[in-house]
Amino acid sequence: MRKRYALILAGLMVAATVGTSVAAEYDRYPGGGGPPVYAPPPPPRGAPVPPPRHAQYGQPYFFAHLGVFDPNGDVDGLSGYDSGMNFDLGVGSRVSPIFAVDGTIGGYNAKRGPDEASVVPLTIGGRLIIPHPFFEPYFGGGIGLYFSSLQEDPRPGFSGIDDSQTNFGGYLSVGADMWLNPRMALNFEGKYNIIDPTFRSNEGNSFDVNMSGWTLNLGIRVAF
């Protein structure tokens, strides 16, 4: 009888030991079923797009340029004239993300010995912009009044010219803004001015003179 009770007691102890082991296993892995499965980390996302540093559309700005004027070499133009200086000042507004309107006044000149040709353009135009946070190329064009003057000394067979005219003209431009911050950019621009005034010589003869040419400029653009 005692032997029978001893076997029963031993069986209960073995069952208790197995149950304790199973319970401990379930405590280690809550939810049951073994070690937890970890999801792989999400793939790294690309670097965020930097915020734009250019002037926002609807924002007015001021600009200024200083550069050189390269006169045309036409026989009925400024053949033989040396390159001269150019400047312009203006205000504008970026009326959309890709388009801006500019108003400009400036001046350029060229010399050939004692002879001098000069032009003061007063223009309004637009620029088509390729948007970018930092570096923005553009193409432009415009029209306006060109105040031109020509002084050429008399020489054999020519009485000389000392005359001024006001004519409609136009320009085409290409350039780029490199934005340093949301309010200021360095500007590089090439502009071809188109103007063909008629001057009167000292004898009273009329001459059409092509005073067109390229201006190459470096400047700044500052948003208000």
Protein backbone atom coordinates (compact mmCIF):
# COMPACT_ATOMS: atom_id res chain seq x y z
CA MET A 1 0.00 0.00 0.00
CA ARG A 2 2.76 2.39 0.93
CA LYS A 3 4.58 1.46 -2.23
CA ARG A 4 1.50 2.34 -4.21
CA TYR A 5 1.20 5.73 -2.52
CA ALA A 6 4.89 6.37 -3.15
CA LEU A 7 4.47 5.73 -6.89
CA ILE A 8 1.47 8.07 -7.04
CA LEU A 9 3.43 10.79 -5.18
CA ALA A 10 6.39 10.37 -7.52
CA GLY A 11 4.09 10.69 -10.55
CA LEU A 12 2.56 13.87 -9.18
CA MET A 13 6.02 15.39 -8.63
CA VAL A 14 7.06 14.58 -12.23
CA ALA A 15 3.83 16.08 -13.58
CA ALA A 16 4.38 19.23 -11.50
CA THR A 17 7.95 19.57 -12.76
CA VAL A 18 6.87 19.26 -16.42
CA GLY A 19 4.03 21.76 -15.91
CA THR A 20 6.36 24.28 -14.30
CA SER A 21 8.79 23.96 -17.22
CA VAL A 22 6.03 24.47 -19.80
CA ALA A 23 4.66 27.50 -17.92
CA ALA A 24 8.14 29.05 -17.81
CA GLU A 25 8.49 28.49 -21.56
CA TYR A 26 5.19 30.27 -22.19
CA ASP A 27 6.25 33.14 -19.90
CA ARG A 28 9.40 33.67 -21.98
CA TYR A 29 7.43 33.95 -25.23
CA PRO A 30 4.11 35.61 -24.40
CA GLY A 31 1.48 34.87 -26.93
CA GLY A 32 2.85 31.38 -27.31
CA GLY A 33 4.60 29.65 -30.13
CA GLY A 34 8.27 30.39 -29.64
CA PRO A 35 10.60 33.39 -29.95
CA PRO A 36 9.12 36.63 -31.36
CA VAL A 37 9.66 37.44 -35.01
CA TYR A 38 11.03 40.96 -35.51
CA ALA A 39 9.94 42.90 -38.62
CA PRO A 40 12.85 44.32 -40.62
CA PRO A 41 13.35 48.08 -40.23
CA PRO A 42 11.75 50.24 -42.96
CA PRO A 43 14.07 51.13 -45.80
CA PRO A 44 15.78 54.50 -45.37
CA ARG A 45 13.95 57.31 -47.04
CA GLY A 46 15.72 59.63 -49.47
CA ALA A 47 16.96 62.99 -48.34
CA PRO A 48 14.11 65.50 -48.14
CA VAL A 49 13.89 68.03 -50.95
CA PRO A 50 15.47 71.29 -49.75
CA PRO A 51 13.08 74.21 -49.41
CA PRO A 52 13.27 76.74 -52.25
CA ARG A 53 15.62 79.63 -51.71
CA HIS A 54 14.28 81.73 -54.58
CA ALA A 55 11.85 84.61 -54.35
CA GLN A 56 8.27 83.41 -54.20
CA TYR A 57 5.79 84.32 -56.88
CA GLY A 58 3.88 87.50 -56.14
CA GLN A 59 7.00 88.93 -54.50
CA PRO A 60 8.48 92.12 -56.04
CA TYR A 61 12.22 92.57 -56.43
CA PHE A 62 14.92 95.07 -57.41
CA PHE A 63 17.85 94.25 -59.71
CA ALA A 64 21.01 95.95 -60.94
CA HIS A 65 23.56 94.98 -63.59
CA LEU A 66 27.00 96.13 -64.65
CA GLY A 67 28.75 94.78 -67.72
CA VAL A 68 30.06 95.39 -71.22
CA PHE A 69 28.45 96.26 -74.53
CA ASP A 70 29.69 94.46 -77.64
CA PRO A 71 28.59 96.47 -80.70
CA ASN A 72 27.60 94.88 -83.98
CA GLY A 73 30.07 94.96 -86.85
CA ASP A 74 27.66 95.91 -89.65
CA VAL A 75 28.85 98.40 -92.26
CA ASP A 76 25.68 100.43 -91.67
CA GLY A 77 26.06 99.95 -87.93
CA LEU A 78 28.94 100.28 -85.49
CA SER A 79 31.73 98.73 -87.52
CA GLY A 80 35.10 99.59 -86.01
CA TYR A 81 33.66 100.64 -82.64
CA ASP A 82 35.26 99.19 -79.53
CA SER A 83 33.33 97.48 -76.75
CA GLY A 84 31.96 99.82 -74.13
CA MET A 85 30.27 99.83 -70.75
CA ASN A 86 26.71 98.86 -69.88
CA PHE A 87 24.50 99.19 -66.81
CA ASP A 88 20.85 98.80 -65.99
CA LEU A 89 18.50 99.09 -63.03
CA GLY A 90 15.02 97.73 -62.69
CA VAL A 91 12.12 96.42 -60.67
CA GLY A 92 9.97 93.39 -61.29
CA SER A 93 7.61 90.84 -59.86
CA ARG A 94 7.41 87.06 -60.10
CA VAL A 95 3.76 86.77 -61.11
CA SER A 96 3.81 82.95 -61.24
CA PRO A 97 6.33 80.19 -60.40
CA ILE A 98 7.61 80.27 -64.01
CA PHE A 99 7.06 83.85 -65.19
CA ALA A 100 8.22 87.31 -64.12
CA VAL A 101 7.66 90.85 -65.42
CA ASP A 102 10.51 93.40 -65.41
CA GLY A 103 10.76 97.14 -65.99
CA THR A 104 14.28 98.37 -66.79
CA ILE A 105 16.21 101.54 -67.47
CA GLY A 106 19.88 101.42 -68.46
CA GLY A 107 22.54 102.62 -70.79
CA TYR A 108 25.36 101.41 -73.02
CA ASN A 109 27.96 103.06 -75.23
CA ALA A 110 30.80 102.36 -77.63
CA LYS A 111 33.66 104.48 -79.02
CA ARG A 112 35.81 104.63 -82.13
CA GLY A 113 38.52 107.18 -81.56
CA PRO A 114 36.72 110.53 -81.07
CA ASP A 115 33.41 109.06 -82.29
CA GLU A 116 30.87 107.86 -79.73
CA ALA A 117 27.54 106.04 -79.87
CA SER A 118 25.29 105.73 -76.82
CA VAL A 119 21.85 104.32 -76.09
CA VAL A 120 19.52 104.60 -73.09
CA PRO A 121 16.83 101.86 -73.17
CA LEU A 122 13.60 102.20 -71.17
CA THR A 123 11.89 98.82 -71.50
CA ILE A 124 9.28 96.46 -70.12
CA GLY A 125 9.47 92.73 -70.65
CA GLY A 126 9.00 89.26 -69.30
CA ARG A 127 11.10 86.25 -68.32
CA LEU A 128 10.21 82.57 -68.64
CA ILE A 129 11.88 80.83 -65.68
CA ILE A 130 12.92 77.19 -65.25
CA PRO A 131 12.16 76.74 -61.51
CA HIS A 132 14.81 75.29 -59.20
CA PRO A 133 15.48 75.77 -55.46
CA PHE A 134 18.90 77.35 -56.02
CA PHE A 135 19.89 77.86 -59.69
CA GLU A 136 17.23 79.19 -62.07
CA PRO A 137 17.91 79.71 -65.79
CA TYR A 138 15.55 81.94 -67.75
CA PHE A 139 14.77 83.36 -71.19
CA GLY A 140 13.26 86.77 -71.76
CA GLY A 141 12.26 89.50 -74.14
CA GLY A 142 10.74 92.96 -74.15
CA ILE A 143 10.09 96.25 -75.92
CA GLY A 144 10.41 99.92 -75.11
CA LEU A 145 11.77 103.33 -75.97
CA TYR A 146 15.44 103.64 -76.92
CA PHE A 147 17.04 107.09 -76.60
CA SER A 148 20.10 106.99 -78.85
CA SER A 149 22.76 109.52 -79.77
CA LEU A 150 25.64 109.49 -82.25
CA GLN A 151 28.61 111.83 -82.47
CA GLU A 152 31.07 111.38 -85.33
CA ASP A 153 33.69 113.95 -86.32
CA PRO A 154 33.82 115.30 -89.88
CA ARG A 155 36.26 113.71 -92.29
CA PRO A 156 36.86 113.97 -96.04
CA GLY A 157 33.59 113.34 -97.86
CA PHE A 158 31.58 113.27 -94.64
CA SER A 159 30.25 116.29 -92.76
CA GLY A 160 29.93 114.48 -89.41
CA ILE A 161 26.98 113.67 -87.16
CA ASP A 162 25.85 115.08 -83.84
CA ASP A 163 22.26 113.93 -83.42
CA SER A 164 19.89 112.21 -80.98
CA GLN A 165 16.79 110.13 -81.68
CA THR A 166 14.04 108.31 -79.81
CA ASN A 167 12.77 105.07 -81.31
CA PHE A 168 10.93 101.91 -80.40
CA GLY A 169 13.18 98.90 -79.96
CA GLY A 170 13.35 95.58 -78.24
CA TYR A 171 15.57 92.96 -76.71
CA LEU A 172 16.03 89.24 -76.17
CA SER A 173 17.77 87.90 -73.09
CA VAL A 174 19.09 84.73 -71.51
CA GLY A 175 20.41 84.40 -67.99
CA ALA A 176 20.36 82.66 -64.63
CA ASP A 177 19.81 83.51 -60.98
CA MET A 178 21.88 81.78 -58.30
CA TRP A 179 19.93 82.27 -55.07
CA LEU A 180 22.03 82.85 -51.98
CA ASN A 181 18.95 83.05 -49.72
CA PRO A 182 15.20 83.66 -50.22
CA ARG A 183 15.79 87.38 -50.79
CA MET A 184 19.05 87.70 -52.74
CA ALA A 185 20.54 86.14 -55.86
CA LEU A 186 23.59 86.61 -58.02
CA ASN A 187 22.52 87.20 -61.61
CA PHE A 188 24.27 86.48 -64.92
CA GLU A 189 22.63 87.78 -68.09
CA GLY A 190 23.24 88.25 -71.77
CA LYS A 191 20.92 90.62 -73.62
CA TYR A 192 20.73 91.49 -77.31
CA ASN A 193 19.29 94.96 -77.87
CA ILE A 194 17.66 95.67 -81.23
CA ILE A 195 17.52 99.32 -82.33
CA ASP A 196 17.95 100.97 -85.74
CA PRO A 197 17.58 104.77 -85.45
CA THR A 198 17.84 107.30 -88.29
CA PHE A 199 20.31 110.14 -87.72
CA ARG A 200 20.80 113.35 -89.63
CA SER A 201 24.28 114.47 -90.61
CA ASN A 202 25.52 118.03 -90.28
CA GLU A 203 24.70 118.49 -93.96
CA GLY A 204 21.13 117.34 -93.42
CA ASN A 205 21.44 113.87 -94.93
CA SER A 206 19.69 110.97 -93.18
CA PHE A 207 21.45 107.74 -92.22
CA ASP A 208 20.00 104.55 -90.72
CA VAL A 209 22.49 103.31 -88.13
CA ASN A 210 22.19 99.85 -86.60
CA MET A 211 23.01 100.37 -82.92
CA SER A 212 22.12 96.84 -81.88
CA GLY A 213 24.48 94.63 -79.92
CA TRP A 214 25.04 92.30 -77.00
CA THR A 215 25.35 93.35 -73.37
CA LEU A 216 26.96 90.85 -70.99
CA ASN A 217 26.17 91.53 -67.34
CA LEU A 218 26.80 90.49 -63.78
CA GLY A 219 24.43 91.73 -61.09
CA ILE A 220 22.16 91.06 -58.14
CA ARG A 221 18.45 90.52 -57.62
CA VAL A 222 16.99 91.46 -54.23
CA ALA A 223 13.41 90.62 -53.21
CA PHE A 224 11.52 93.20 -51.14
